[in-house]
Amino acid sequence: MNFSKVFSVAAALALVCCTSIAFAQPPGPPGPPLPTAVPIDGGLSLLLAAGASFGVRSLRRK
């Protein structure tokens, strides 16, 4: 047999063996959970208090 033909067969066999190993890998761990879209915390009460005081101030000026 010719050297290039033997090399071609060996390379093809190696590629076939490597692809079966690559498909046999287990999946990775799942990613972290997605964060919440809108965090509601103590800042909301401050915004409500500021809006109420602005509203009272606007009504007293009239």
N, C-alpha and C. Protein backbone atom coordinates (compact mmCIF):
# COMPACT_ATOMS: atom_id res chain seq x y z
N MET A 1 0.83 -1.19 0.00
CA MET A 1 0.00 0.00 0.00
C MET A 1 0.87 1.25 0.00
N ASN A 2 0.34 2.27 -0.56
CA ASN A 2 1.01 3.55 -0.63
C ASN A 2 0.93 4.23 0.74
N PHE A 3 1.99 5.01 1.07
CA PHE A 3 2.04 5.70 2.36
C PHE A 3 0.88 6.68 2.52
N SER A 4 0.55 7.43 1.49
CA SER A 4 -0.52 8.42 1.59
C SER A 4 -1.89 7.74 1.80
N LYS A 5 -2.05 6.55 1.23
CA LYS A 5 -3.31 5.84 1.42
C LYS A 5 -3.43 5.31 2.85
N VAL A 6 -2.34 4.80 3.40
CA VAL A 6 -2.32 4.32 4.78
C VAL A 6 -2.55 5.49 5.73
N PHE A 7 -1.90 6.60 5.45
CA PHE A 7 -2.07 7.78 6.29
C PHE A 7 -3.51 8.29 6.24
N SER A 8 -4.12 8.29 5.06
CA SER A 8 -5.50 8.74 4.91
C SER A 8 -6.45 7.84 5.69
N VAL A 9 -6.25 6.54 5.62
CA VAL A 9 -7.12 5.61 6.36
C VAL A 9 -6.93 5.79 7.86
N ALA A 10 -5.69 5.96 8.31
CA ALA A 10 -5.42 6.15 9.73
C ALA A 10 -6.03 7.47 10.23
N ALA A 11 -5.92 8.53 9.43
CA ALA A 11 -6.49 9.82 9.81
C ALA A 11 -8.02 9.74 9.87
N ALA A 12 -8.62 9.07 8.92
CA ALA A 12 -10.08 8.93 8.93
C ALA A 12 -10.54 8.10 10.13
N LEU A 13 -9.83 7.05 10.46
CA LEU A 13 -10.16 6.23 11.62
C LEU A 13 -10.01 7.03 12.91
N ALA A 14 -8.97 7.84 13.01
CA ALA A 14 -8.77 8.66 14.20
C ALA A 14 -9.89 9.70 14.35
N LEU A 15 -10.32 10.29 13.24
CA LEU A 15 -11.41 11.27 13.30
C LEU A 15 -12.72 10.62 13.72
N VAL A 16 -12.99 9.42 13.22
CA VAL A 16 -14.22 8.72 13.60
C VAL A 16 -14.20 8.38 15.08
N CYS A 17 -13.06 7.94 15.59
CA CYS A 17 -12.97 7.61 17.02
C CYS A 17 -13.09 8.85 17.90
N CYS A 18 -12.51 9.95 17.47
CA CYS A 18 -12.56 11.19 18.26
C CYS A 18 -13.98 11.77 18.32
N THR A 19 -14.73 11.66 17.25
CA THR A 19 -16.08 12.21 17.28
C THR A 19 -16.99 11.43 18.21
N SER A 20 -16.81 10.12 18.30
CA SER A 20 -17.64 9.34 19.22
C SER A 20 -17.30 9.68 20.67
N ILE A 21 -16.05 9.98 20.95
CA ILE A 21 -15.66 10.39 22.30
C ILE A 21 -16.22 11.77 22.61
N ALA A 22 -16.24 12.65 21.64
CA ALA A 22 -16.73 14.01 21.86
C ALA A 22 -18.23 14.02 22.15
N PHE A 23 -19.00 13.14 21.52
CA PHE A 23 -20.44 13.09 21.76
C PHE A 23 -20.78 12.41 23.08
N ALA A 24 -19.85 11.68 23.68
CA ALA A 24 -20.13 10.93 24.89
C ALA A 24 -19.94 11.74 26.16
N GLN A 25 -19.60 13.02 26.07
CA GLN A 25 -19.37 13.83 27.26
C GLN A 25 -20.71 14.17 27.93
N PRO A 26 -20.75 14.16 29.27
CA PRO A 26 -22.00 14.50 29.96
C PRO A 26 -22.24 16.02 29.89
N PRO A 27 -23.48 16.44 30.01
CA PRO A 27 -23.76 17.88 29.98
C PRO A 27 -23.22 18.56 31.24
N GLY A 28 -22.94 19.84 31.12
CA GLY A 28 -22.43 20.60 32.25
C GLY A 28 -23.52 20.92 33.26
N PRO A 29 -23.13 21.49 34.40
CA PRO A 29 -24.13 21.84 35.41
C PRO A 29 -24.99 23.00 34.92
N PRO A 30 -26.21 23.11 35.42
CA PRO A 30 -27.07 24.22 34.99
C PRO A 30 -26.54 25.55 35.51
N GLY A 31 -26.89 26.60 34.82
CA GLY A 31 -26.43 27.92 35.22
C GLY A 31 -27.21 28.45 36.42
N PRO A 32 -26.80 29.60 36.93
CA PRO A 32 -27.50 30.18 38.07
C PRO A 32 -28.88 30.68 37.65
N PRO A 33 -29.80 30.80 38.59
CA PRO A 33 -31.13 31.30 38.23
C PRO A 33 -31.07 32.77 37.81
N LEU A 34 -32.02 33.17 36.99
CA LEU A 34 -32.06 34.54 36.52
C LEU A 34 -32.50 35.48 37.64
N PRO A 35 -31.92 36.67 37.71
CA PRO A 35 -32.33 37.62 38.76
C PRO A 35 -33.74 38.14 38.48
N THR A 36 -34.37 38.63 39.54
CA THR A 36 -35.70 39.19 39.36
C THR A 36 -35.61 40.48 38.56
N ALA A 37 -36.68 40.81 37.86
CA ALA A 37 -36.66 41.96 36.96
C ALA A 37 -36.69 43.28 37.73
N VAL A 38 -37.53 43.40 38.76
CA VAL A 38 -37.67 44.65 39.49
C VAL A 38 -37.58 44.36 40.98
N PRO A 39 -36.48 44.73 41.62
CA PRO A 39 -36.41 44.52 43.06
C PRO A 39 -37.20 45.62 43.80
N ILE A 40 -38.12 45.21 44.63
CA ILE A 40 -38.92 46.16 45.42
C ILE A 40 -38.43 46.05 46.85
N ASP A 41 -37.88 47.14 47.36
CA ASP A 41 -37.35 47.13 48.72
C ASP A 41 -37.68 48.45 49.41
N GLY A 42 -36.88 48.87 50.35
CA GLY A 42 -37.14 50.07 51.14
C GLY A 42 -37.15 51.35 50.32
N GLY A 43 -36.56 51.36 49.15
CA GLY A 43 -36.54 52.55 48.31
C GLY A 43 -37.92 52.94 47.82
N LEU A 44 -38.80 51.97 47.68
CA LEU A 44 -40.17 52.25 47.24
C LEU A 44 -40.92 53.09 48.26
N SER A 45 -40.75 52.81 49.53
CA SER A 45 -41.43 53.59 50.57
C SER A 45 -40.91 55.03 50.59
N LEU A 46 -39.62 55.22 50.33
CA LEU A 46 -39.08 56.57 50.27
C LEU A 46 -39.64 57.35 49.09
N LEU A 47 -39.81 56.68 47.95
CA LEU A 47 -40.41 57.35 46.80
C LEU A 47 -41.87 57.71 47.05
N LEU A 48 -42.61 56.84 47.71
CA LEU A 48 -44.00 57.14 48.04
C LEU A 48 -44.09 58.32 49.01
N ALA A 49 -43.21 58.36 50.00
CA ALA A 49 -43.21 59.47 50.95
C ALA A 49 -42.85 60.78 50.27
N ALA A 50 -41.89 60.75 49.36
CA ALA A 50 -41.50 61.97 48.65
C ALA A 50 -42.64 62.44 47.75
N GLY A 51 -43.33 61.52 47.09
CA GLY A 51 -44.47 61.89 46.24
C GLY A 51 -45.61 62.46 47.05
N ALA A 52 -45.88 61.89 48.21
CA ALA A 52 -46.96 62.40 49.06
C ALA A 52 -46.63 63.78 49.58
N SER A 53 -45.39 63.99 49.99
CA SER A 53 -45.02 65.33 50.49
C SER A 53 -45.05 66.35 49.36
N PHE A 54 -44.66 65.98 48.17
CA PHE A 54 -44.73 66.89 47.03
C PHE A 54 -46.19 67.22 46.70
N GLY A 55 -47.06 66.23 46.78
CA GLY A 55 -48.48 66.46 46.53
C GLY A 55 -49.10 67.38 47.56
N VAL A 56 -48.78 67.17 48.82
CA VAL A 56 -49.31 68.05 49.89
C VAL A 56 -48.78 69.46 49.71
N ARG A 57 -47.54 69.60 49.39
CA ARG A 57 -46.94 70.93 49.17
C ARG A 57 -47.62 71.64 48.00
N SER A 58 -47.87 70.90 46.91
CA SER A 58 -48.53 71.49 45.74
C SER A 58 -49.96 71.92 46.06
N LEU A 59 -50.68 71.13 46.84
CA LEU A 59 -52.05 71.50 47.21
C LEU A 59 -52.10 72.69 48.15
N ARG A 60 -51.13 72.84 49.05
CA ARG A 60 -51.11 73.97 49.98
C ARG A 60 -50.75 75.28 49.27
N ARG A 61 -50.00 75.22 48.21
CA ARG A 61 -49.61 76.44 47.49
C ARG A 61 -50.78 77.03 46.71
N LYS A 62 -51.75 76.24 46.35
CA LYS A 62 -52.88 76.74 45.56
C LYS A 62 -53.81 77.55 46.37
